[in-house]
Protein backbone atom coordinates (compact mmCIF):
# COMPACT_ATOMS: atom_id res chain seq x y z
CA MET A 1 -43.46 166.98 -211.61
CA SER A 2 -44.95 164.05 -209.69
CA CYS A 3 -41.44 162.91 -208.77
CA LEU A 4 -40.88 166.24 -207.00
CA TYR A 5 -44.12 165.79 -205.05
CA THR A 6 -43.07 162.29 -204.04
CA VAL A 7 -39.66 163.44 -202.82
CA ASN A 8 -41.28 166.31 -200.94
CA ALA A 9 -43.76 163.92 -199.28
CA ILE A 10 -40.97 161.56 -198.23
CA TYR A 11 -38.94 164.46 -196.83
CA ALA A 12 -41.95 165.76 -194.89
CA SER A 13 -42.66 162.34 -193.39
CA VAL A 14 -39.03 161.95 -192.30
CA ILE A 15 -39.07 165.38 -190.66
CA LEU A 16 -42.38 164.59 -188.92
CA ALA A 17 -41.10 161.23 -187.67
CA SER A 18 -37.89 162.73 -186.36
CA THR A 19 -39.64 165.48 -184.36
CA ARG A 20 -41.64 163.13 -182.15
CA ASN A 21 -40.33 162.96 -178.61
CA THR A 22 -41.31 159.54 -177.32
CA PHE A 23 -38.16 158.72 -175.41
CA GLY A 24 -38.71 156.56 -172.37
CA THR A 25 -42.08 155.15 -173.46
CA GLU A 26 -40.69 152.16 -175.35
CA LYS A 27 -41.47 148.63 -174.22
CA ALA A 28 -39.15 145.67 -174.37
CA SER A 29 -41.25 144.28 -177.23
CA ASP A 30 -40.65 147.42 -179.32
CA TYR A 31 -37.03 146.37 -179.93
CA GLY A 32 -36.11 143.71 -182.45
CA PRO A 33 -37.54 142.49 -185.70
CA GLY A 34 -40.50 140.61 -184.25
CA PHE A 35 -42.34 137.68 -185.76
CA LEU A 36 -42.34 139.09 -189.30
CA GLY A 37 -38.56 139.42 -189.19
CA PHE A 38 -38.25 135.81 -188.03
CA VAL A 39 -40.50 134.56 -190.83
CA PHE A 40 -38.58 136.54 -193.45
CA THR A 41 -35.23 135.25 -192.18
CA ALA A 42 -36.49 131.65 -192.10
CA VAL A 43 -37.77 131.94 -195.67
CA MET A 44 -34.44 133.34 -196.83
CA VAL A 45 -32.52 130.50 -195.13
CA VAL A 46 -34.74 127.83 -196.67
CA ALA A 47 -34.43 129.45 -200.11
CA GLY A 48 -30.65 129.58 -199.72
CA ILE A 49 -30.50 125.89 -198.80
CA PHE A 50 -32.55 124.89 -201.84
CA LEU A 51 -30.46 127.15 -204.07
CA MET A 52 -27.20 125.60 -202.85
CA ARG A 53 -28.50 122.05 -203.29
CA ASP A 54 -29.63 122.83 -206.83
CA MET A 55 -26.29 124.45 -207.64
CA VAL A 56 -24.34 121.44 -206.34
CA ARG A 57 -26.54 119.12 -208.40
CA ARG A 58 -25.98 121.14 -211.57
CA VAL A 59 -22.20 121.31 -211.06
CA ARG A 60 -22.08 117.56 -210.49
CA ARG A 61 -24.10 116.95 -213.66
CA VAL A 62 -21.74 119.13 -215.73
CA ARG A 63 -18.72 117.35 -214.26
CA TYR A 64 -20.16 113.91 -215.08
CA GLN A 65 -20.99 115.00 -218.62
CA SER A 66 -17.47 116.27 -219.21
CA GLU A 67 -15.99 113.03 -217.85
CA ALA A 68 -18.25 111.00 -220.15
CA GLU A 69 -17.24 113.11 -223.16
CA LEU A 70 -13.57 112.68 -222.26
CA ARG A 71 -13.98 108.90 -222.05
CA GLN A 72 -15.81 108.87 -225.37
CA HIS A 73 -13.01 110.85 -227.05
CA GLN A 74 -10.40 108.52 -225.56
CA MET A 75 -12.28 105.48 -226.86
CA MET A 76 -12.51 107.06 -230.31
CA GLU A 77 -8.78 107.82 -230.33
CA ASP A 78 -7.97 104.27 -229.20
CA GLY A 79 -10.19 102.92 -231.97
CA GLU A 80 -8.47 105.08 -234.59
CA LYS A 81 -5.01 103.95 -233.45
CA ARG A 82 -5.86 100.28 -233.77
CA LYS A 83 -4.91 98.70 -237.04
CA LEU A 84 -7.69 96.78 -238.68
CA GLU A 85 -6.61 93.43 -240.04
CA GLU A 86 -8.67 92.35 -242.98
CA PRO A 87 -8.31 88.93 -244.58
CA ASP A 88 -7.15 88.60 -248.17
CA GLU A 89 -10.11 86.45 -249.15
CA PRO A 90 -13.63 86.16 -247.75
CA ILE A 91 -14.08 83.74 -244.87
CA ASP A 92 -17.21 81.71 -244.26
CA PRO A 93 -17.74 81.40 -240.49
CA LYS A 94 -19.62 78.09 -240.88
CA THR A 95 -16.85 76.30 -242.72
CA SER A 96 -13.88 78.13 -241.27
CA GLU A 97 -11.50 75.99 -239.23
CA GLU A 98 -10.26 78.94 -237.18
CA LYS A 99 -12.30 79.74 -234.14
């Protein structure tokens, strides 16, 4: 029921606002968004700039992480492909003649 009262009040205020005849009494300052519109627009621009910078930073971080993971997988695959050569008998590094 209160929704109907709200809609009725909005309709009545629109009708009342549209029946005023104030043509020709406007000033040059009555047109345009004014100072509040400027402040709102400036805040939105600054927020957009910070949002874009943060987004670029996050995308760069994800790209670097994926490149690091790719390098790590390549190193692991290279390590698995290498054949390990183990000696037949234990070698003592202190007395070994090979260096």
